[in-house]
Every structure is written in structure tokens, then in C-alpha cells.
Protein backbone atom coordinates (compact mmCIF):
# COMPACT_ATOMS: atom_id res chain seq x y z
CA MET A 1 28.75 -17.37 -7.50
CA ASN A 2 31.26 -15.44 -5.44
CA ASP A 3 29.34 -14.36 -2.25
CA ALA A 4 32.09 -11.98 -1.16
CA LEU A 5 31.96 -10.15 -4.46
CA ARG A 6 28.15 -10.21 -4.43
CA ARG A 7 28.19 -8.45 -0.96
CA GLU A 8 30.78 -5.94 -2.23
CA LEU A 9 28.63 -5.10 -5.30
CA TYR A 10 25.50 -4.82 -3.18
CA GLU A 11 27.13 -2.49 -0.61
CA ARG A 12 28.52 -0.25 -3.42
CA LEU A 13 25.18 -0.18 -5.15
CA ILE A 14 23.42 0.84 -1.95
CA SER A 15 25.84 3.57 -1.25
CA GLU A 16 25.17 5.14 -4.65
CA ILE A 17 21.39 5.20 -4.19
CA ASP A 18 19.69 8.04 -2.28
CA PRO A 19 17.17 6.32 0.01
CA SER A 20 14.85 9.40 -0.20
CA GLU A 21 14.75 9.19 -3.98
CA GLU A 22 12.28 7.08 -5.85
CA ILE A 23 13.99 5.14 -8.54
CA SER A 24 12.43 3.27 -11.43
CA ASP A 25 13.33 -0.28 -12.39
CA ALA A 26 14.96 1.06 -15.64
CA SER A 27 17.10 3.55 -13.65
CA LEU A 28 18.09 0.84 -11.23
CA TYR A 29 19.26 -1.43 -14.07
CA GLN A 30 21.26 1.53 -15.38
CA LYS A 31 23.07 1.95 -12.09
CA ILE A 32 23.77 -1.72 -11.90
CA ASP A 33 25.13 -1.88 -15.44
CA HIS A 34 27.32 1.12 -14.71
CA LEU A 35 28.71 -0.57 -11.51
CA LEU A 36 29.31 -3.90 -13.32
CA GLN A 37 31.12 -2.08 -16.18
CA GLU A 38 33.32 -0.33 -13.65
CA ILE A 39 34.16 -3.38 -11.59
CA GLY A 40 33.90 -5.97 -14.40
CA THR A 41 37.27 -5.16 -15.89
CA GLU A 42 38.97 -5.07 -12.50
CA LYS A 43 37.55 -8.45 -11.43
CA LYS A 44 37.80 -9.97 -14.97
CA LEU A 45 34.12 -10.90 -15.10
CA THR A 46 32.82 -12.63 -18.20
CA ARG A 47 29.68 -11.34 -19.97
CA GLN A 48 27.68 -14.34 -18.53
CA GLU A 49 28.84 -13.51 -14.96
CA LYS A 50 27.89 -9.86 -15.47
CA MET A 51 24.37 -10.94 -16.54
CA GLU A 52 24.06 -13.13 -13.46
CA TYR A 53 25.22 -10.43 -11.05
CA ARG A 54 22.92 -7.97 -12.80
CA GLU A 55 19.83 -10.03 -12.02
CA ILE A 56 21.02 -10.86 -8.54
CA LEU A 57 21.57 -7.26 -7.65
CA PHE A 58 18.23 -6.22 -9.06
CA ALA A 59 16.49 -9.02 -7.09
CA ALA A 60 18.28 -7.87 -3.94
CA LEU A 61 16.58 -4.50 -4.12
CA ARG A 62 13.32 -5.16 -5.99
CA ARG A 63 12.32 -8.71 -5.23
CA TYR A 64 13.43 -11.32 -2.62
CA ASP A 65 17.13 -11.24 -2.88
CA ILE A 66 18.69 -14.69 -3.30
CA LEU A 67 15.22 -16.24 -3.00
CA SER A 68 14.27 -14.84 -6.31
CA ILE A 69 17.23 -16.52 -7.97
CA VAL A 70 16.46 -19.84 -6.28
CA MET A 71 12.81 -19.72 -7.27
CA ALA A 72 13.71 -19.04 -10.91
CA ASP A 73 14.72 -22.76 -11.01
CA GLU A 74 11.45 -24.63 -11.60
CA ARG A 75 13.09 -27.86 -10.49
CA VAL A 76 13.23 -26.57 -6.93
CA THR A 77 10.19 -27.74 -5.01
CA GLU A 78 11.08 -26.65 -1.48
CA ILE A 79 13.36 -23.97 -0.04
CA MET A 80 14.63 -24.00 3.55
CA VAL A 81 16.40 -20.89 4.93
CA ASN A 82 18.28 -21.58 8.18
CA GLY A 83 19.40 -17.97 8.79
CA ALA A 84 21.02 -15.66 6.25
CA GLY A 85 24.04 -17.84 5.66
CA LYS A 86 22.50 -21.22 4.95
CA ILE A 87 19.93 -22.20 2.35
CA TYR A 88 18.81 -25.80 1.53
CA VAL A 89 16.70 -26.61 -1.46
CA GLU A 90 14.91 -29.73 -2.61
CA ARG A 91 15.43 -30.81 -6.21
CA GLY A 92 14.16 -34.07 -7.61
CA GLY A 93 13.24 -35.34 -4.16
CA GLY A 94 16.69 -34.80 -2.62
CA LEU A 95 18.04 -32.02 -0.33
CA GLU A 96 21.15 -30.06 -1.15
CA LEU A 97 22.92 -27.05 0.27
CA TYR A 98 22.48 -24.01 -2.10
CA GLU A 99 25.67 -22.24 -3.07
CA GLY A 100 24.26 -18.71 -2.48
CA THR A 101 23.30 -16.84 0.69
CA PHE A 102 21.48 -13.64 1.66
CA THR A 103 23.33 -10.43 1.35
CA THR A 104 22.97 -9.59 5.03
CA GLU A 105 20.94 -10.72 8.01
CA GLU A 106 19.01 -7.43 7.82
CA LYS A 107 18.11 -8.14 4.27
CA LEU A 108 16.57 -11.51 5.19
CA SER A 109 14.56 -9.76 7.96
CA ASP A 110 13.32 -7.16 5.53
CA ILE A 111 12.21 -9.89 3.06
CA VAL A 112 10.40 -11.76 5.81
CA GLN A 113 8.43 -8.62 6.65
CA GLN A 114 7.75 -7.97 2.93
CA ILE A 115 6.31 -11.48 2.52
CA ALA A 116 4.15 -11.32 5.67
CA SER A 117 2.82 -7.85 5.12
CA ALA A 118 1.76 -8.62 1.52
CA ILE A 119 -1.09 -10.70 2.88
CA ASN A 120 -1.68 -8.75 6.11
CA ARG A 121 0.16 -11.17 8.34
CA ARG A 122 2.11 -9.94 11.38
CA VAL A 123 5.43 -11.44 12.41
CA ASN A 124 7.87 -9.89 15.04
CA GLU A 125 9.36 -10.72 18.46
CA ALA A 126 5.96 -10.76 20.09
CA THR A 127 4.49 -13.10 17.42
CA PRO A 128 7.53 -14.84 15.99
CA MET A 129 5.73 -17.49 13.96
CA ALA A 130 3.52 -16.95 10.92
CA ASP A 131 2.17 -18.65 7.80
CA ALA A 132 2.05 -16.69 4.57
CA ARG A 133 2.15 -17.14 0.86
CA LEU A 134 3.84 -15.61 -2.12
CA PRO A 135 2.08 -14.11 -5.18
CA ASP A 136 2.74 -17.34 -7.15
CA GLY A 137 0.83 -19.40 -4.47
CA SER A 138 3.87 -20.79 -2.75
CA ARG A 139 3.30 -21.64 0.95
CA VAL A 140 5.57 -19.90 3.43
CA ASN A 141 6.31 -20.64 7.11
CA ILE A 142 8.29 -18.03 9.07
CA VAL A 143 9.95 -18.37 12.51
CA LEU A 144 11.85 -15.46 13.93
CA PRO A 145 14.34 -15.01 16.75
CA PRO A 146 14.30 -15.44 19.76
CA ILE A 147 12.37 -18.70 18.87
CA ALA A 148 14.81 -19.44 15.98
CA LEU A 149 18.19 -19.37 17.49
CA ASP A 150 20.32 -19.08 14.38
CA GLY A 151 18.43 -16.24 12.62
CA PRO A 152 15.07 -16.18 10.70
CA ALA A 153 14.00 -19.64 9.52
CA VAL A 154 11.90 -19.60 6.37
CA THR A 155 10.35 -22.63 4.72
CA ILE A 156 8.81 -22.27 1.28
CA ARG A 157 6.72 -25.09 -0.30
CA ARG A 158 6.41 -24.39 -4.00
CA PHE A 159 3.58 -25.46 -6.35
CA SER A 160 3.54 -25.83 -10.04
CA LYS A 161 2.62 -22.66 -11.97
CA THR A 162 0.10 -24.74 -13.84
CA PRO A 163 -2.20 -26.71 -11.38
CA ILE A 164 -1.37 -30.50 -11.55
CA SER A 165 -4.30 -32.51 -12.97
CA MET A 166 -5.15 -36.16 -12.36
CA GLU A 167 -3.86 -36.84 -15.88
CA ASN A 168 -0.43 -35.61 -14.78
CA LEU A 169 -0.50 -37.85 -11.70
CA VAL A 170 -1.42 -40.82 -13.83
CA ALA A 171 1.41 -40.03 -16.26
CA TRP A 172 3.90 -39.71 -13.34
CA GLY A 173 2.78 -43.05 -11.82
CA SER A 174 1.26 -41.58 -8.65
CA ILE A 175 -2.04 -43.29 -9.37
CA THR A 176 -3.29 -45.75 -11.96
CA GLU A 177 -5.68 -44.79 -14.70
CA GLU A 178 -8.33 -47.19 -13.23
CA ALA A 179 -8.11 -45.74 -9.74
CA ALA A 180 -8.27 -42.22 -11.09
CA ALA A 181 -11.40 -43.05 -13.05
CA PHE A 182 -12.88 -44.51 -9.94
CA LEU A 183 -12.23 -41.31 -8.00
CA GLU A 184 -13.71 -39.26 -10.89
CA LYS A 185 -16.87 -41.26 -10.53
CA ALA A 186 -16.84 -40.79 -6.77
CA VAL A 187 -16.51 -36.99 -7.06
CA LEU A 188 -19.30 -36.87 -9.67
CA MET A 189 -21.57 -38.87 -7.35
CA ARG A 190 -20.90 -36.37 -4.63
CA MET A 191 -19.03 -38.63 -2.16
CA ASN A 192 -17.23 -36.99 0.67
CA ILE A 193 -13.60 -37.70 0.24
CA PHE A 194 -10.76 -37.18 2.70
CA VAL A 195 -7.07 -37.08 1.57
CA SER A 196 -4.54 -38.15 4.26
CA GLY A 197 -0.74 -38.45 4.24
CA GLY A 198 2.49 -37.36 5.89
CA THR A 199 4.31 -34.12 5.38
CA GLY A 200 5.27 -33.45 1.74
CA THR A 201 3.17 -36.34 0.26
CA GLY A 202 1.29 -33.96 -2.06
CA LYS A 203 -2.06 -33.71 -0.21
CA THR A 204 -2.88 -30.20 -1.42
CA THR A 205 -1.88 -31.03 -4.92
CA PHE A 206 -4.00 -34.21 -4.98
CA LEU A 207 -6.91 -32.32 -3.51
CA GLY A 208 -6.72 -29.73 -6.23
CA ALA A 209 -6.59 -32.56 -8.83
CA LEU A 210 -9.73 -34.27 -7.34
CA ALA A 211 -11.51 -30.92 -7.30
CA GLU A 212 -11.14 -30.57 -11.07
CA TYR A 213 -13.78 -33.33 -11.39
CA ILE A 214 -16.39 -31.04 -9.75
CA HIS A 215 -19.06 -29.84 -12.19
CA PRO A 216 -18.26 -26.30 -13.33
CA ASP A 217 -21.75 -24.96 -12.39
CA GLU A 218 -21.59 -26.03 -8.77
CA ARG A 219 -21.02 -23.42 -6.07
CA VAL A 220 -17.86 -24.23 -4.14
CA ILE A 221 -16.49 -22.63 -0.94
CA THR A 222 -12.80 -23.20 -0.20
CA ILE A 223 -11.44 -22.68 3.35
CA GLU A 224 -7.74 -22.54 4.12
CA ASP A 225 -5.31 -21.16 6.61
CA SER A 226 -3.28 -19.82 3.67
CA ALA A 227 -5.08 -19.85 0.30
CA GLU A 228 -3.28 -22.28 -2.02
CA LEU A 229 -5.88 -24.15 -3.92
CA ARG A 230 -6.56 -23.19 -7.52
CA LEU A 231 -9.71 -24.68 -9.00
CA ARG A 232 -9.53 -23.89 -12.72
CA ASN A 233 -12.79 -25.26 -13.91
CA VAL A 234 -15.20 -24.10 -11.11
CA LYS A 235 -16.97 -20.79 -12.12
CA ASN A 236 -18.95 -20.12 -8.90
CA ILE A 237 -16.22 -20.24 -6.26
CA VAL A 238 -15.67 -18.34 -3.06
CA ARG A 239 -12.15 -18.52 -1.48
CA LEU A 240 -11.99 -17.94 2.33
CA GLU A 241 -8.79 -17.56 4.38
CA SER A 242 -8.45 -17.60 8.15
CA ARG A 243 -6.90 -14.61 10.01
CA PRO A 244 -4.79 -14.66 13.14
CA ALA A 245 -5.71 -12.56 16.21
CA ASN A 246 -4.04 -9.23 16.92
CA LEU A 247 -1.66 -8.58 19.81
CA GLU A 248 -4.66 -8.20 22.11
CA GLY A 249 -5.93 -11.60 21.10
CA GLU A 250 -8.88 -10.11 19.24
CA TYR A 251 -10.37 -10.18 15.65
CA GLY A 252 -8.99 -13.57 14.87
CA ILE A 253 -10.99 -15.75 12.31
CA THR A 254 -10.48 -19.38 12.62
CA ILE A 255 -11.20 -22.31 10.28
CA ARG A 256 -14.12 -23.16 12.54
CA ASP A 257 -15.55 -19.75 12.10
CA LEU A 258 -15.22 -20.01 8.34
CA ILE A 259 -16.83 -23.39 8.10
CA LYS A 260 -19.83 -22.28 10.20
CA ASN A 261 -20.23 -19.08 8.05
CA ALA A 262 -19.85 -21.15 4.83
CA LEU A 263 -22.97 -23.07 5.75
CA ARG A 264 -24.89 -19.86 5.33
CA MET A 265 -23.43 -19.18 1.93
CA ARG A 266 -25.48 -21.78 -0.02
CA PRO A 267 -22.54 -24.05 -0.99
CA ASP A 268 -22.93 -27.14 -3.05
CA ARG A 269 -19.59 -28.32 -1.79
CA ILE A 270 -17.18 -27.20 0.89
CA VAL A 271 -13.39 -27.79 0.45
CA VAL A 272 -11.28 -27.42 3.56
CA GLY A 273 -7.59 -27.32 2.77
CA GLU A 274 -6.51 -29.07 5.98
CA ILE A 275 -8.02 -29.81 9.39
CA ARG A 276 -5.81 -29.57 12.42
CA GLY A 277 -8.07 -29.21 15.40
CA GLY A 278 -11.63 -28.74 16.60
CA GLU A 279 -12.80 -27.69 13.12
CA ALA A 280 -12.87 -31.43 12.29
CA LEU A 281 -16.27 -31.70 14.03
CA ASP A 282 -17.62 -28.78 12.06
CA MET A 283 -16.46 -30.31 8.84
CA LEU A 284 -18.14 -33.59 9.67
CA GLN A 285 -21.39 -31.81 10.53
CA ALA A 286 -21.31 -30.03 7.18
CA MET A 287 -20.74 -33.39 5.43
CA ASN A 288 -23.65 -34.89 7.34
CA THR A 289 -26.12 -32.06 6.73
CA GLY A 290 -26.59 -32.04 3.05
CA HIS A 291 -23.26 -30.74 1.75
CA ASP A 292 -22.36 -33.99 -0.08
CA GLY A 293 -19.22 -34.06 -2.21
CA SER A 294 -17.15 -32.09 0.26
CA LEU A 295 -13.31 -32.62 0.33
CA SER A 296 -10.60 -32.13 2.95
CA THR A 297 -7.08 -33.26 3.94
CA GLY A 298 -5.19 -34.03 7.11
CA HIS A 299 -1.77 -35.25 8.35
CA ALA A 300 -1.29 -38.94 9.39
CA ASN A 301 1.03 -41.86 8.75
CA SER A 302 -1.74 -44.15 7.60
CA ALA A 303 -5.39 -44.14 6.82
CA GLN A 304 -6.26 -45.87 10.17
CA ASP A 305 -4.15 -43.30 12.05
CA MET A 306 -6.05 -40.52 10.27
CA ILE A 307 -9.27 -41.91 11.75
CA SER A 308 -7.82 -41.81 15.19
CA ARG A 309 -6.54 -38.26 14.66
CA ILE A 310 -9.98 -37.07 13.51
CA GLU A 311 -11.44 -38.58 16.67
CA THR A 312 -8.88 -36.72 18.69
CA MET A 313 -9.40 -33.49 16.82
CA CYS A 314 -13.20 -33.73 17.32
CA LEU A 315 -12.53 -34.10 21.12
CA MET A 316 -10.38 -30.98 20.90
CA GLY A 317 -13.46 -29.00 19.99
CA ASN A 318 -14.63 -28.86 23.66
CA VAL A 319 -17.83 -30.68 23.03
CA ALA A 320 -19.33 -33.18 25.47
CA LEU A 321 -19.86 -35.96 23.01
CA PRO A 322 -19.13 -39.65 23.70
CA LEU A 323 -16.51 -41.30 21.47
CA SER A 324 -19.20 -43.54 20.04
CA ALA A 325 -21.13 -40.57 18.75
CA ILE A 326 -17.96 -39.04 17.23
CA ARG A 327 -17.22 -42.31 15.46
CA GLY A 328 -20.76 -42.40 14.16
CA GLN A 329 -20.26 -38.91 12.74
CA ILE A 330 -17.00 -39.85 11.05
CA ALA A 331 -18.38 -43.08 9.55
CA ALA A 332 -21.48 -41.34 8.24
CA GLY A 333 -19.76 -38.23 7.07
CA ILE A 334 -16.60 -39.47 5.24
CA ASP A 335 -17.32 -41.90 2.41
CA LEU A 336 -13.81 -42.43 1.00
CA MET A 337 -10.25 -41.87 2.28
CA VAL A 338 -7.29 -41.62 -0.06
CA HIS A 339 -3.91 -42.09 1.73
CA LEU A 340 -0.64 -40.73 0.04
CA ILE A 341 2.89 -41.71 0.78
CA ARG A 342 6.30 -40.41 -0.27
CA CYS A 343 8.70 -43.03 -1.52
CA ARG A 344 12.39 -43.00 -0.73
CA ASN A 345 13.25 -41.79 -4.26
CA GLY A 346 11.07 -38.71 -3.67
CA THR A 347 8.10 -39.83 -5.70
CA ARG A 348 4.60 -39.43 -4.30
CA ARG A 349 2.09 -42.29 -4.63
CA VAL A 350 -1.36 -43.23 -3.63
CA GLN A 351 -0.91 -45.97 -1.03
CA GLY A 352 -4.60 -46.89 -0.89
CA ILE A 353 -8.23 -45.85 -1.37
CA TYR A 354 -10.52 -46.94 1.48
CA GLU A 355 -14.22 -46.94 2.16
CA LEU A 356 -15.32 -46.13 5.73
CA ALA A 357 -17.39 -49.24 6.23
CA GLU A 358 -18.87 -49.04 9.74
CA ALA A 359 -18.27 -47.90 13.33
CA ASN A 360 -18.43 -50.01 16.44
CA GLU A 361 -17.11 -50.05 19.97
CA SER A 362 -13.61 -50.94 18.81
CA GLY A 363 -13.42 -48.19 16.18
CA ILE A 364 -14.15 -47.56 12.52
CA ARG A 365 -13.36 -50.32 10.04
CA LEU A 366 -11.77 -49.38 6.73
CA ASN A 367 -12.63 -51.37 3.65
CA PRO A 368 -9.67 -51.24 1.24
CA LEU A 369 -10.72 -50.71 -2.40
CA TYR A 370 -7.35 -50.07 -3.98
CA LEU A 371 -3.93 -50.86 -2.36
CA LEU A 372 -0.34 -50.31 -3.39
CA GLU A 373 1.06 -53.77 -3.84
CA GLU A 374 4.50 -54.96 -4.66
CA SER A 375 5.02 -57.04 -7.81
CA GLY A 376 7.75 -59.46 -8.87
CA THR A 377 10.64 -57.07 -9.44
CA HIS A 378 10.23 -54.77 -6.40
CA GLU A 379 7.90 -52.59 -8.55
CA THR A 380 4.71 -51.32 -6.82
CA GLU A 381 1.34 -50.86 -8.44
CA LEU A 382 -1.97 -49.53 -7.15
CA LYS A 383 -4.32 -52.54 -7.56
CA ARG A 384 -8.03 -53.00 -6.94
CA THR A 385 -8.81 -55.45 -4.17
CA ASP A 386 -11.50 -58.04 -4.01
CA CYS A 387 -13.46 -56.11 -1.48
CA PRO A 388 -16.77 -54.85 -2.82
CA MET A 389 -18.11 -51.52 -1.82
CA ARG A 390 -20.46 -51.93 1.11
CA ARG A 391 -22.72 -48.92 0.60
CA ALA A 392 -25.22 -47.83 -2.00
CA TRP A 393 -24.67 -44.38 -3.49
CA LYS A 394 -27.13 -41.94 -4.95
CA SER A 395 -25.77 -40.42 -8.18
CA GLN A 396 -26.42 -36.76 -8.80
CA SER A 397 -25.91 -37.10 -12.49
CA GLY A 398 -29.24 -38.70 -13.29
CA GLU A 399 -27.94 -42.30 -13.15
CA GLY A 400 -30.00 -43.25 -10.10
CA ILE A 401 -28.92 -45.56 -7.28
CA GLN A 402 -25.64 -47.50 -7.85
CA ASN A 403 -24.91 -50.54 -5.83
CA ALA A 404 -21.40 -51.54 -4.83
CA GLU A 405 -20.62 -53.59 -7.90
CA GLY A 406 -22.29 -51.07 -10.11
CA LEU A 407 -20.06 -48.27 -8.97
CA GLN A 408 -16.82 -50.23 -9.38
CA SER A 409 -17.76 -51.60 -12.74
CA ALA A 410 -19.20 -48.39 -14.27
CA ASP A 411 -17.35 -46.99 -17.20
CA GLY A 412 -14.95 -49.89 -17.26
CA LEU A 413 -13.93 -49.78 -13.60
């Protein structure tokens, strides 16, 4: 793609369009075709090149400019815009510089406003950072000048058009069939499960796959900063999304507000997309007050680090609770923790499944049930450990009380 030619075509097309005139998509395509026919002979463009420039020019005026072209490639999982002249993409777990750029700096700024305004988000010099989402569910983070020194910085995390199921994760080697069956049993038995992992490890994707085990007739409330979860099999679902405050610092709706309100909405389960602050304590209280089977995620480098982070986040909630009481809430509220990692080759794996065994003065002890172990030829496999589950769980599916061995051995586990 010749960026200089693309800018020339774009500028000529803009000059031929009356900004006060409403133009249909069909009429816009006609103008583009006429322009390409006029310049094509002069520039010796092939039919294929004309078709590419046709879509690029249409996207520049009707969609998201070069972003629309990048996003047409389903292999691209992440897009990083470092100003109008530099775009990086992630394909197959590796980063590469994309060959195209935005037409102008002003065009990038217009697209940023278009993305933010579509979901009633505000981003400008006064509030230069915002989270948003695209119509296809992709997560967007925006940082504008003067915070971003080299022009608007836009990071887009893309998700599959079809929600990824646990069967997909098993097929890709992210988790073993045995461990997946164990988690299915855990969800059906209404255990509270927390998914932890670093950035880009697939926590939201894994959370969505876990949620597919929820019984279709249960009432589920999802709470997120930017709505991303798509639960296909749940019929009675309410999706809640937080809202930032206005310029006067008013009318903001936080995750904490949404969790407190969700408790009044008669939920069977509460699914919180990610906890980052004081809402951790509200989530634990929901888990400890009859909302069994709730799910959530958080950022951490290990499962043990996640416990420490949850303790810290609870203390951020401005409550005068001793650390021992917070640890008791964590140990009682969260039943299982699933920790995800991202390997050097870009693949995402379950590193371990842990039971929160008990809390004492030194902290909360994790009981590893499944761990990623290295085999003879540097291959890794998620294997069940010899540690039995230390709690007894009440099944909501009419199977009564299961002891530790019963849960692990049920249905062939």
C-alpha cells in the first residue's frame, strides 16, 4: 500500500464532496470509483489495487479509516496506535509494525471521538484517558495529548466474533479435558471461582467460557467497566456497565455502586468482569451472603500474588477492618482460583487450579489441585496433584453433599 497515494486520493475525494450535503453509501462508492478510474490509468493501478483503495477510501469516510482495514484481518488480536503515523498489530502472539497509517492526525482524532461518543464516553484535553468498546465487543483504551506526547494512543483488544468455549480451549491445549470437566462440576455446584493472570493472558475469555456452564434458567448479573462478556446460554441476564463522572466530578457510577445495587436485583449469580480497587470487598461480601457461584477476575503474576492483591484492594475500600478479618472473608468467599499464564510462543495456558484452604496469621494457604508441569521433552501439561480437596461442597443439582474425593472423582475426574 502506497501511503502517499492513499493520502492524495483521500484529499481529492474530500475536495469533491460538499460537507453540507448528505451522501449515501452508494453515491460515495460512485465518487470513489470515478476517482479511481480517473487516476488509475495515470498511476497504472491494477484491478486488485483499485479494489483495495476503494475499500480503504470508503473506510476513511464511513468507518474507522485504516483501523477498519486492520480489523478485517481476523488473525489480528491486538492493535496499538502510537499516533497517526505508527500502528503495531499482534498476529499469532507476535508484534509487528503495520504497513499502513492514518490519513491525517485530524482523522485519528475524529475516529477517537467517534469511538468514545458511541457509548457515551467523554475524552478530551480535560479528561484525556478513557475506556470504550467497539460494536463488535472489542475493548478500546484511549489516551490523548497532552498526556500522550506523540499523538493519540489507542489500544484495541479484540475478541473472537464467536465466543470461545471451553471445548475450544481444550482443543487449543490451554486446559486439559480432565481439568475442564472439573471446572464444569465446580460451576454447577455453585462454587465461587476467581480467575487471575497477567495482562493478555485471556482472563475475560476464560471467564466467558466458565460462565457457559451456568444453568440457562439462572438469573445472572454481569458488572463491567466496559461491557465485553457475552453469555450465550443464559436467558435471564442483566448487563451493567460503570459510568465515569462528568467534568464536575458528578454522576459517576462505579463498580462498587453496581455490585451493591445488584444485590437488590435478586441475582442467582454475580459476574464481575474485573476487580481493581475497593469493590473487591463488596464482591467478597456478595459471595459470602448467599450469592454462591459468583465469578470474577483480577490481574496478578501468580495465584498467591492475587491473594495479596485482593487483601490490598479490600484495604483500599476505606474500611476499618483488621487484616485477619479480610483474610477470613477471602478464604470464606472464594472457593477456587484459576491462574492463567501466557507462554513465550504467545499461547495462553492454565498454570494451576487452586483451592483456598484456610486463613491464618501468616496468610491464606492455597491448596493446588491442578498444576502445569513439565514432562520429559520440555512439553508442559496441566496435571492433577495428589492434594485432596479440603472442603465439603453442597451440590445444587440434587446430588447432595460431595466430599473432597467425591468431587474429584465424579464423572470420571
